Amino acid sequence: MNCQLIGRWRIVEADIWDRDHLDLCGPATLTITEKGHGEIAFGALQASLDIEYSRLSVGFTWDGSDEGDQVLGDGSAELLDDGSIEIEFA
């Protein structure tokens, strides 16, 4: 599909968390692989992603743990004109 978001992205800012929280347990990252999977890590959250691709965006469901509690949800990421991505995470 030639999705332009495949790779590892550094999460540098969020609407509700400051940078110290994002990098609490290591660098905050979103990883998107070619094989329908990925990972997201920020704060104390670590989760696996199941991904659906388009050329300039992805949608995903996620399942992982946050401070030892099992959590899950969905989200999306879109490539912006400036080469950064915008992530929506629920």
PDB file of N, CA and C in Angstrom:
ATOM      1  N   MET A   1       0.813  -1.193   0.000  1.00  0.00           N
ATOM      2  CA  MET A   1       0.000   0.000   0.000  1.00  0.00           C
ATOM      3  C   MET A   1       0.855   1.256   0.000  1.00  0.00           C
ATOM      4  N   ASN A   2       2.145   1.148   0.302  1.00  0.00           N
ATOM      5  CA  ASN A   2       3.043   2.299   0.306  1.00  0.00           C
ATOM      6  C   ASN A   2       2.644   3.352   1.347  1.00  0.00           C
ATOM      7  N   CYS A   3       2.276   2.890   2.522  1.00  0.00           N
ATOM      8  CA  CYS A   3       1.913   3.801   3.612  1.00  0.00           C
ATOM      9  C   CYS A   3       3.147   4.590   4.042  1.00  0.00           C
ATOM     10  N   GLN A   4       3.028   5.898   4.082  1.00  0.00           N
ATOM     11  CA  GLN A   4       4.159   6.760   4.417  1.00  0.00           C
ATOM     12  C   GLN A   4       4.403   6.912   5.917  1.00  0.00           C
ATOM     13  N   LEU A   5       3.605   6.244   6.751  1.00  0.00           N
ATOM     14  CA  LEU A   5       3.799   6.331   8.193  1.00  0.00           C
ATOM     15  C   LEU A   5       4.596   5.161   8.759  1.00  0.00           C
ATOM     16  N   ILE A   6       4.971   4.210   7.935  1.00  0.00           N
ATOM     17  CA  ILE A   6       5.720   3.056   8.420  1.00  0.00           C
ATOM     18  C   ILE A   6       7.072   3.526   8.952  1.00  0.00           C
ATOM     19  N   GLY A   7       7.361   3.122  10.174  1.00  0.00           N
ATOM     20  CA  GLY A   7       8.609   3.505  10.826  1.00  0.00           C
ATOM     21  C   GLY A   7       8.385   3.769  12.301  1.00  0.00           C
ATOM     22  N   ARG A   8       9.392   4.314  12.922  1.00  0.00           N
ATOM     23  CA  ARG A   8       9.324   4.646  14.349  1.00  0.00           C
ATOM     24  C   ARG A   8       9.251   6.158  14.485  1.00  0.00           C
ATOM     25  N   TRP A   9       8.262   6.630  15.219  1.00  0.00           N
ATOM     26  CA  TRP A   9       8.008   8.049  15.408  1.00  0.00           C
ATOM     27  C   TRP A   9       8.193   8.411  16.877  1.00  0.00           C
ATOM     28  N   ARG A  10       8.804   9.525  17.142  1.00  0.00           N
ATOM     29  CA  ARG A  10       8.986  10.046  18.498  1.00  0.00           C
ATOM     30  C   ARG A  10       7.796  10.920  18.849  1.00  0.00           C
ATOM     31  N   ILE A  11       7.157  10.648  19.971  1.00  0.00           N
ATOM     32  CA  ILE A  11       6.035  11.461  20.441  1.00  0.00           C
ATOM     33  C   ILE A  11       6.627  12.590  21.288  1.00  0.00           C
ATOM     34  N   VAL A  12       6.453  13.831  20.847  1.00  0.00           N
ATOM     35  CA  VAL A  12       7.109  14.958  21.512  1.00  0.00           C
ATOM     36  C   VAL A  12       6.149  15.903  22.236  1.00  0.00           C
ATOM     37  N   GLU A  13       4.852  15.796  21.960  1.00  0.00           N
ATOM     38  CA  GLU A  13       3.915  16.676  22.651  1.00  0.00           C
ATOM     39  C   GLU A  13       2.536  16.040  22.650  1.00  0.00           C
ATOM     40  N   ALA A  14       1.755  16.378  23.669  1.00  0.00           N
ATOM     41  CA  ALA A  14       0.389  15.885  23.802  1.00  0.00           C
ATOM     42  C   ALA A  14      -0.475  16.968  24.424  1.00  0.00           C
ATOM     43  N   ASP A  15      -1.765  16.907  24.125  1.00  0.00           N
ATOM     44  CA  ASP A  15      -2.693  17.902  24.660  1.00  0.00           C
ATOM     45  C   ASP A  15      -2.818  17.838  26.174  1.00  0.00           C
ATOM     46  N   ILE A  16      -2.802  16.636  26.755  1.00  0.00           N
ATOM     47  CA  ILE A  16      -3.103  16.519  28.183  1.00  0.00           C
ATOM     48  C   ILE A  16      -1.931  16.073  29.049  1.00  0.00           C
ATOM     49  N   TRP A  17      -0.788  15.712  28.446  1.00  0.00           N
ATOM     50  CA  TRP A  17       0.373  15.297  29.231  1.00  0.00           C
ATOM     51  C   TRP A  17       1.568  16.166  28.879  1.00  0.00           C
ATOM     52  N   ASP A  18       2.384  16.477  29.878  1.00  0.00           N
ATOM     53  CA  ASP A  18       3.607  17.226  29.594  1.00  0.00           C
ATOM     54  C   ASP A  18       4.711  16.250  29.176  1.00  0.00           C
ATOM     55  N   ARG A  19       5.818  16.798  28.728  1.00  0.00           N
ATOM     56  CA  ARG A  19       6.926  15.992  28.209  1.00  0.00           C
ATOM     57  C   ARG A  19       7.496  15.042  29.265  1.00  0.00           C
ATOM     58  N   ASP A  20       7.554  15.481  30.528  1.00  0.00           N
ATOM     59  CA  ASP A  20       8.051  14.616  31.593  1.00  0.00           C
ATOM     60  C   ASP A  20       7.187  13.363  31.734  1.00  0.00           C
ATOM     61  N   HIS A  21       5.864  13.521  31.635  1.00  0.00           N
ATOM     62  CA  HIS A  21       4.991  12.342  31.712  1.00  0.00           C
ATOM     63  C   HIS A  21       5.160  11.461  30.477  1.00  0.00           C
ATOM     64  N   LEU A  22       5.192  12.051  29.300  1.00  0.00           N
ATOM     65  CA  LEU A  22       5.337  11.249  28.080  1.00  0.00           C
ATOM     66  C   LEU A  22       6.561  10.349  28.157  1.00  0.00           C
ATOM     67  N   ASP A  23       7.680  10.862  28.658  1.00  0.00           N
ATOM     68  CA  ASP A  23       8.944  10.119  28.700  1.00  0.00           C
ATOM     69  C   ASP A  23       9.204   9.462  30.060  1.00  0.00           C
ATOM     70  N   LEU A  24       8.165   9.251  30.853  1.00  0.00           N
ATOM     71  CA  LEU A  24       8.311   8.726  32.206  1.00  0.00           C
ATOM     72  C   LEU A  24       9.114   7.426  32.278  1.00  0.00           C
ATOM     73  N   CYS A  25       8.840   6.465  31.416  1.00  0.00           N
ATOM     74  CA  CYS A  25       9.513   5.149  31.446  1.00  0.00           C
ATOM     75  C   CYS A  25      10.444   4.947  30.252  1.00  0.00           C
ATOM     76  N   GLY A  26      10.775   6.006  29.565  1.00  0.00           N
ATOM     77  CA  GLY A  26      11.628   5.943  28.378  1.00  0.00           C
ATOM     78  C   GLY A  26      11.055   6.848  27.317  1.00  0.00           C
ATOM     79  N   PRO A  27      11.753   6.974  26.198  1.00  0.00           N
ATOM     80  CA  PRO A  27      11.267   7.848  25.133  1.00  0.00           C
ATOM     81  C   PRO A  27       9.874   7.436  24.642  1.00  0.00           C
ATOM     82  N   ALA A  28       8.969   8.388  24.543  1.00  0.00           N
ATOM     83  CA  ALA A  28       7.617   8.131  24.041  1.00  0.00           C
ATOM     84  C   ALA A  28       7.697   7.892  22.524  1.00  0.00           C
ATOM     85  N   THR A  29       7.194   6.742  22.071  1.00  0.00           N
ATOM     86  CA  THR A  29       7.305   6.390  20.661  1.00  0.00           C
ATOM     87  C   THR A  29       6.044   5.704  20.145  1.00  0.00           C
ATOM     88  N   LEU A  30       5.860   5.806  18.845  1.00  0.00           N
ATOM     89  CA  LEU A  30       4.859   5.062  18.088  1.00  0.00           C
ATOM     90  C   LEU A  30       5.612   4.351  16.982  1.00  0.00           C
ATOM     91  N   THR A  31       5.479   3.025  16.910  1.00  0.00           N
ATOM     92  CA  THR A  31       6.130   2.240  15.872  1.00  0.00           C
ATOM     93  C   THR A  31       5.062   1.609  15.002  1.00  0.00           C
ATOM     94  N   ILE A  32       5.172   1.815  13.693  1.00  0.00           N
ATOM     95  CA  ILE A  32       4.229   1.271  12.715  1.00  0.00           C
ATOM     96  C   ILE A  32       5.013   0.368  11.777  1.00  0.00           C
ATOM     97  N   THR A  33       4.674  -0.921  11.750  1.00  0.00           N
ATOM     98  CA  THR A  33       5.372  -1.864  10.878  1.00  0.00           C
ATOM     99  C   THR A  33       4.562  -2.120   9.610  1.00  0.00           C
ATOM    100  N   GLU A  34       5.172  -2.801   8.678  1.00  0.00           N
ATOM    101  CA  GLU A  34       4.521  -3.127   7.403  1.00  0.00           C
ATOM    102  C   GLU A  34       3.542  -4.289   7.510  1.00  0.00           C
ATOM    103  N   LYS A  35       3.554  -5.009   8.600  1.00  0.00           N
ATOM    104  CA  LYS A  35       2.809  -6.263   8.680  1.00  0.00           C
ATOM    105  C   LYS A  35       1.542  -6.178   9.521  1.00  0.00           C
ATOM    106  N   GLY A  36       0.958  -5.000   9.649  1.00  0.00           N
ATOM    107  CA  GLY A  36      -0.310  -4.864  10.345  1.00  0.00           C
ATOM    108  C   GLY A  36      -0.217  -4.735  11.848  1.00  0.00           C
ATOM    109  N   HIS A  37       0.991  -4.536  12.340  1.00  0.00           N
ATOM    110  CA  HIS A  37       1.176  -4.427  13.785  1.00  0.00           C
ATOM    111  C   HIS A  37       2.069  -3.239  14.115  1.00  0.00           C
ATOM    112  N   GLY A  38       2.119  -2.894  15.386  1.00  0.00           N
ATOM    113  CA  GLY A  38       2.982  -1.827  15.837  1.00  0.00           C
ATOM    114  C   GLY A  38       2.969  -1.775  17.345  1.00  0.00           C
ATOM    115  N   GLU A  39       3.558  -0.722  17.875  1.00  0.00           N
ATOM    116  CA  GLU A  39       3.632  -0.529  19.319  1.00  0.00           C
ATOM    117  C   GLU A  39       3.542   0.956  19.631  1.00  0.00           C
ATOM    118  N   ILE A  40       3.033   1.251  20.816  1.00  0.00           N
ATOM    119  CA  ILE A  40       3.050   2.613  21.326  1.00  0.00           C
ATOM    120  C   ILE A  40       3.492   2.543  22.782  1.00  0.00           C
ATOM    121  N   ALA A  41       4.311   3.506  23.166  1.00  0.00           N
ATOM    122  CA  ALA A  41       4.776   3.576  24.550  1.00  0.00           C
ATOM    123  C   ALA A  41       4.901   5.044  24.939  1.00  0.00           C
ATOM    124  N   PHE A  42       4.256   5.406  26.035  1.00  0.00           N
ATOM    125  CA  PHE A  42       4.421   6.731  26.626  1.00  0.00           C
ATOM    126  C   PHE A  42       3.947   6.656  28.062  1.00  0.00           C
ATOM    127  N   GLY A  43       4.486   7.517  28.920  1.00  0.00           N
ATOM    128  CA  GLY A  43       4.146   7.437  30.337  1.00  0.00           C
ATOM    129  C   GLY A  43       4.474   6.052  30.847  1.00  0.00           C
ATOM    130  N   ALA A  44       3.521   5.412  31.518  1.00  0.00           N
ATOM    131  CA  ALA A  44       3.688   4.030  31.980  1.00  0.00           C
ATOM    132  C   ALA A  44       2.945   3.054  31.076  1.00  0.00           C
ATOM    133  N   LEU A  45       2.429   3.539  29.941  1.00  0.00           N
ATOM    134  CA  LEU A  45       1.678   2.706  29.004  1.00  0.00           C
ATOM    135  C   LEU A  45       2.608   2.045  28.003  1.00  0.00           C
ATOM    136  N   GLN A  46       2.405   0.765  27.783  1.00  0.00           N
ATOM    137  CA  GLN A  46       3.027   0.029  26.690  1.00  0.00           C
ATOM    138  C   GLN A  46       1.938  -0.811  26.065  1.00  0.00           C
ATOM    139  N   ALA A  47       1.767  -0.701  24.735  1.00  0.00           N
ATOM    140  CA  ALA A  47       0.673  -1.401  24.085  1.00  0.00           C
ATOM    141  C   ALA A  47       1.065  -1.870  22.689  1.00  0.00           C
ATOM    142  N   SER A  48       0.436  -2.961  22.276  1.00  0.00           N
ATOM    143  CA  SER A  48       0.565  -3.475  20.914  1.00  0.00           C
ATOM    144  C   SER A  48      -0.576  -2.920  20.076  1.00  0.00           C
ATOM    145  N   LEU A  49      -0.293  -2.715  18.793  1.00  0.00           N
ATOM    146  CA  LEU A  49      -1.284  -2.162  17.876  1.00  0.00           C
ATOM    147  C   LEU A  49      -1.624  -3.170  16.786  1.00  0.00           C
ATOM    148  N   ASP A  50      -2.898  -3.221  16.393  1.00  0.00           N
ATOM    149  CA  ASP A  50      -3.345  -3.877  15.168  1.00  0.00           C
ATOM    150  C   ASP A  50      -3.745  -2.755  14.235  1.00  0.00           C
ATOM    151  N   ILE A  51      -3.118  -2.697  13.064  1.00  0.00           N
ATOM    152  CA  ILE A  51      -3.172  -1.505  12.213  1.00  0.00           C
ATOM    153  C   ILE A  51      -3.887  -1.771  10.895  1.00  0.00           C
ATOM    154  N   GLU A  52      -4.659  -0.784  10.440  1.00  0.00           N
ATOM    155  CA  GLU A  52      -5.211  -0.717   9.087  1.00  0.00           C
ATOM    156  C   GLU A  52      -4.590   0.496   8.415  1.00  0.00           C
ATOM    157  N   TYR A  53      -4.128   0.322   7.185  1.00  0.00           N
ATOM    158  CA  TYR A  53      -3.331   1.340   6.500  1.00  0.00           C
ATOM    159  C   TYR A  53      -4.089   2.037   5.381  1.00  0.00           C
ATOM    160  N   SER A  54      -3.754   3.296   5.164  1.00  0.00           N
ATOM    161  CA  SER A  54      -3.977   3.988   3.901  1.00  0.00           C
ATOM    162  C   SER A  54      -2.655   4.684   3.594  1.00  0.00           C
ATOM    163  N   ARG A  55      -2.569   5.399   2.521  1.00  0.00           N
ATOM    164  CA  ARG A  55      -1.286   5.982   2.117  1.00  0.00           C
ATOM    165  C   ARG A  55      -0.750   6.994   3.131  1.00  0.00           C
ATOM    166  N   LEU A  56      -1.615   7.870   3.653  1.00  0.00           N
ATOM    167  CA  LEU A  56      -1.173   8.962   4.525  1.00  0.00           C
ATOM    168  C   LEU A  56      -1.710   8.871   5.954  1.00  0.00           C
ATOM    169  N   SER A  57      -2.323   7.748   6.305  1.00  0.00           N
ATOM    170  CA  SER A  57      -2.846   7.601   7.657  1.00  0.00           C
ATOM    171  C   SER A  57      -2.973   6.125   8.019  1.00  0.00           C
ATOM    172  N   VAL A  58      -3.138   5.883   9.304  1.00  0.00           N
ATOM    173  CA  VAL A  58      -3.420   4.538   9.806  1.00  0.00           C
ATOM    174  C   VAL A  58      -4.499   4.646  10.868  1.00  0.00           C
ATOM    175  N   GLY A  59      -5.274   3.595  10.996  1.00  0.00           N
ATOM    176  CA  GLY A  59      -6.196   3.436  12.112  1.00  0.00           C
ATOM    177  C   GLY A  59      -5.730   2.216  12.883  1.00  0.00           C
ATOM    178  N   PHE A  60      -5.966   2.185  14.180  1.00  0.00           N
ATOM    179  CA  PHE A  60      -5.496   1.041  14.949  1.00  0.00           C
ATOM    180  C   PHE A  60      -6.359   0.796  16.184  1.00  0.00           C
ATOM    181  N   THR A  61      -6.346  -0.448  16.625  1.00  0.00           N
ATOM    182  CA  THR A  61      -6.805  -0.800  17.957  1.00  0.00           C
ATOM    183  C   THR A  61      -5.559  -1.131  18.750  1.00  0.00           C
ATOM    184  N   TRP A  62      -5.624  -0.939  20.065  1.00  0.00           N
ATOM    185  CA  TRP A  62      -4.458  -1.198  20.894  1.00  0.00           C
ATOM    186  C   TRP A  62      -4.867  -1.955  22.149  1.00  0.00           C
ATOM    187  N   ASP A  63      -3.903  -2.716  22.684  1.00  0.00           N
ATOM    188  CA  ASP A  63      -4.107  -3.527  23.878  1.00  0.00           C
ATOM    189  C   ASP A  63      -2.787  -3.584  24.617  1.00  0.00           C
ATOM    190  N   GLY A  64      -2.794  -3.212  25.902  1.00  0.00           N
ATOM    191  CA  GLY A  64      -1.540  -3.211  26.633  1.00  0.00           C
ATOM    192  C   GLY A  64      -1.736  -3.028  28.119  1.00  0.00           C
ATOM    193  N   SER A  65      -0.720  -2.455  28.761  1.00  0.00           N
ATOM    194  CA  SER A  65      -0.805  -2.234  30.200  1.00  0.00           C
ATOM    195  C   SER A  65      -0.354  -0.819  30.536  1.00  0.00           C
ATOM    196  N   ASP A  66      -0.970  -0.288  31.577  1.00  0.00           N
ATOM    197  CA  ASP A  66      -0.632   1.036  32.098  1.00  0.00           C
ATOM    198  C   ASP A  66      -0.544   0.897  33.607  1.00  0.00           C
ATOM    199  N   GLU A  67       0.659   1.030  34.145  1.00  0.00           N
ATOM    200  CA  GLU A  67       0.920   0.835  35.567  1.00  0.00           C
ATOM    201  C   GLU A  67       0.420  -0.527  36.043  1.00  0.00           C
ATOM    202  N   GLY A  68       0.561  -1.557  35.196  1.00  0.00           N
ATOM    203  CA  GLY A  68       0.181  -2.918  35.546  1.00  0.00           C
ATOM    204  C   GLY A  68      -1.272  -3.268  35.273  1.00  0.00           C
ATOM    205  N   ASP A  69      -2.104  -2.296  34.932  1.00  0.00           N
ATOM    206  CA  ASP A  69      -3.510  -2.557  34.621  1.00  0.00           C
ATOM    207  C   ASP A  69      -3.676  -2.785  33.126  1.00  0.00           C
ATOM    208  N   GLN A  70      -4.484  -3.797  32.752  1.00  0.00           N
ATOM    209  CA  GLN A  70      -4.756  -4.026  31.340  1.00  0.00           C
ATOM    210  C   GLN A  70      -5.668  -2.922  30.818  1.00  0.00           C
ATOM    211  N   VAL A  71      -5.305  -2.351  29.665  1.00  0.00           N
ATOM    212  CA  VAL A  71      -6.060  -1.274  29.035  1.00  0.00           C
ATOM    213  C   VAL A  71      -6.144  -1.552  27.537  1.00  0.00           C
ATOM    214  N   LEU A  72      -7.164  -0.991  26.898  1.00  0.00           N
ATOM    215  CA  LEU A  72      -7.312  -1.145  25.452  1.00  0.00           C
ATOM    216  C   LEU A  72      -8.099   0.012  24.891  1.00  0.00           C
ATOM    217  N   GLY A  73      -8.034   0.174  23.592  1.00  0.00           N
ATOM    218  CA  GLY A  73      -8.745   1.267  22.950  1.00  0.00           C
ATOM    219  C   GLY A  73      -8.474   1.296  21.464  1.00  0.00           C
ATOM    220  N   ASP A  74      -8.661   2.467  20.872  1.00  0.00           N
ATOM    221  CA  ASP A  74      -8.401   2.631  19.442  1.00  0.00           C
ATOM    222  C   ASP A  74      -7.790   3.998  19.200  1.00  0.00           C
ATOM    223  N   GLY A  75      -7.390   4.221  17.969  1.00  0.00           N
ATOM    224  CA  GLY A  75      -6.784   5.498  17.628  1.00  0.00           C
ATOM    225  C   GLY A  75      -6.465   5.585  16.155  1.00  0.00           C
ATOM    226  N   SER A  76      -5.792   6.657  15.803  1.00  0.00           N
ATOM    227  CA  SER A  76      -5.379   6.877  14.421  1.00  0.00           C
ATOM    228  C   SER A  76      -4.163   7.789  14.405  1.00  0.00           C
ATOM    229  N   ALA A  77      -3.480   7.782  13.285  1.00  0.00           N
ATOM    230  CA  ALA A  77      -2.355   8.689  13.061  1.00  0.00           C
ATOM    231  C   ALA A  77      -2.415   9.150  11.612  1.00  0.00           C
ATOM    232  N   GLU A  78      -2.161  10.427  11.403  1.00  0.00           N
ATOM    233  CA  GLU A  78      -2.244  11.019  10.068  1.00  0.00           C
ATOM    234  C   GLU A  78      -0.987  11.831   9.789  1.00  0.00           C
ATOM    235  N   LEU A  79      -0.425  11.663   8.603  1.00  0.00           N
ATOM    236  CA  LEU A  79       0.736  12.441   8.184  1.00  0.00           C
ATOM    237  C   LEU A  79       0.290  13.854   7.810  1.00  0.00           C
ATOM    238  N   LEU A  80       0.942  14.847   8.411  1.00  0.00           N
ATOM    239  CA  LEU A  80       0.617  16.247   8.142  1.00  0.00           C
ATOM    240  C   LEU A  80       1.540  16.816   7.068  1.00  0.00           C
ATOM    241  N   ASP A  81       1.179  17.958   6.517  1.00  0.00           N
ATOM    242  CA  ASP A  81       1.952  18.593   5.444  1.00  0.00           C
ATOM    243  C   ASP A  81       3.390  18.901   5.842  1.00  0.00           C
ATOM    244  N   ASP A  82       3.635  19.152   7.143  1.00  0.00           N
ATOM    245  CA  ASP A  82       4.985  19.494   7.581  1.00  0.00           C
ATOM    246  C   ASP A  82       5.870  18.271   7.855  1.00  0.00           C
ATOM    247  N   GLY A  83       5.343  17.057   7.591  1.00  0.00           N
ATOM    248  CA  GLY A  83       6.126  15.833   7.792  1.00  0.00           C
ATOM    249  C   GLY A  83       5.987  15.223   9.167  1.00  0.00           C
ATOM    250  N   SER A  84       5.253  15.875  10.067  1.00  0.00           N
ATOM    251  CA  SER A  84       4.985  15.302  11.389  1.00  0.00           C
ATOM    252  C   SER A  84       3.683  14.491  11.302  1.00  0.00           C
ATOM    253  N   ILE A  85       3.359  13.793  12.374  1.00  0.00           N
ATOM    254  CA  ILE A  85       2.080  13.084  12.401  1.00  0.00           C
ATOM    255  C   ILE A  85       1.257  13.579  13.577  1.00  0.00           C
ATOM    256  N   GLU A  86      -0.055  13.469  13.422  1.00  0.00           N
ATOM    257  CA  GLU A  86      -0.982  13.780  14.500  1.00  0.00           C
ATOM    258  C   GLU A  86      -1.645  12.468  14.902  1.00  0.00           C
ATOM    259  N   ILE A  87      -1.573  12.157  16.189  1.00  0.00           N
ATOM    260  CA  ILE A  87      -2.134  10.908  16.722  1.00  0.00           C
ATOM    261  C   ILE A  87      -3.378  11.240  17.528  1.00  0.00           C
ATOM    262  N   GLU A  88      -4.444  10.507  17.281  1.00  0.00           N
ATOM    263  CA  GLU A  88      -5.626  10.543  18.137  1.00  0.00           C
ATOM    264  C   GLU A  88      -5.657   9.218  18.853  1.00  0.00           C
ATOM    265  N   PHE A  89      -5.834   9.257  20.168  1.00  0.00           N
ATOM    266  CA  PHE A  89      -5.685   8.075  21.001  1.00  0.00           C
ATOM    267  C   PHE A  89      -6.809   8.024  22.015  1.00  0.00           C
ATOM    268  N   ALA A  90      -7.565   6.940  22.027  1.00  0.00           N
ATOM    269  CA  ALA A  90      -8.671   6.811  22.990  1.00  0.00           C
ATOM    270  C   ALA A  90      -8.583   5.477  23.700  1.00  0.00           C
TER     271      ALA A  90
END
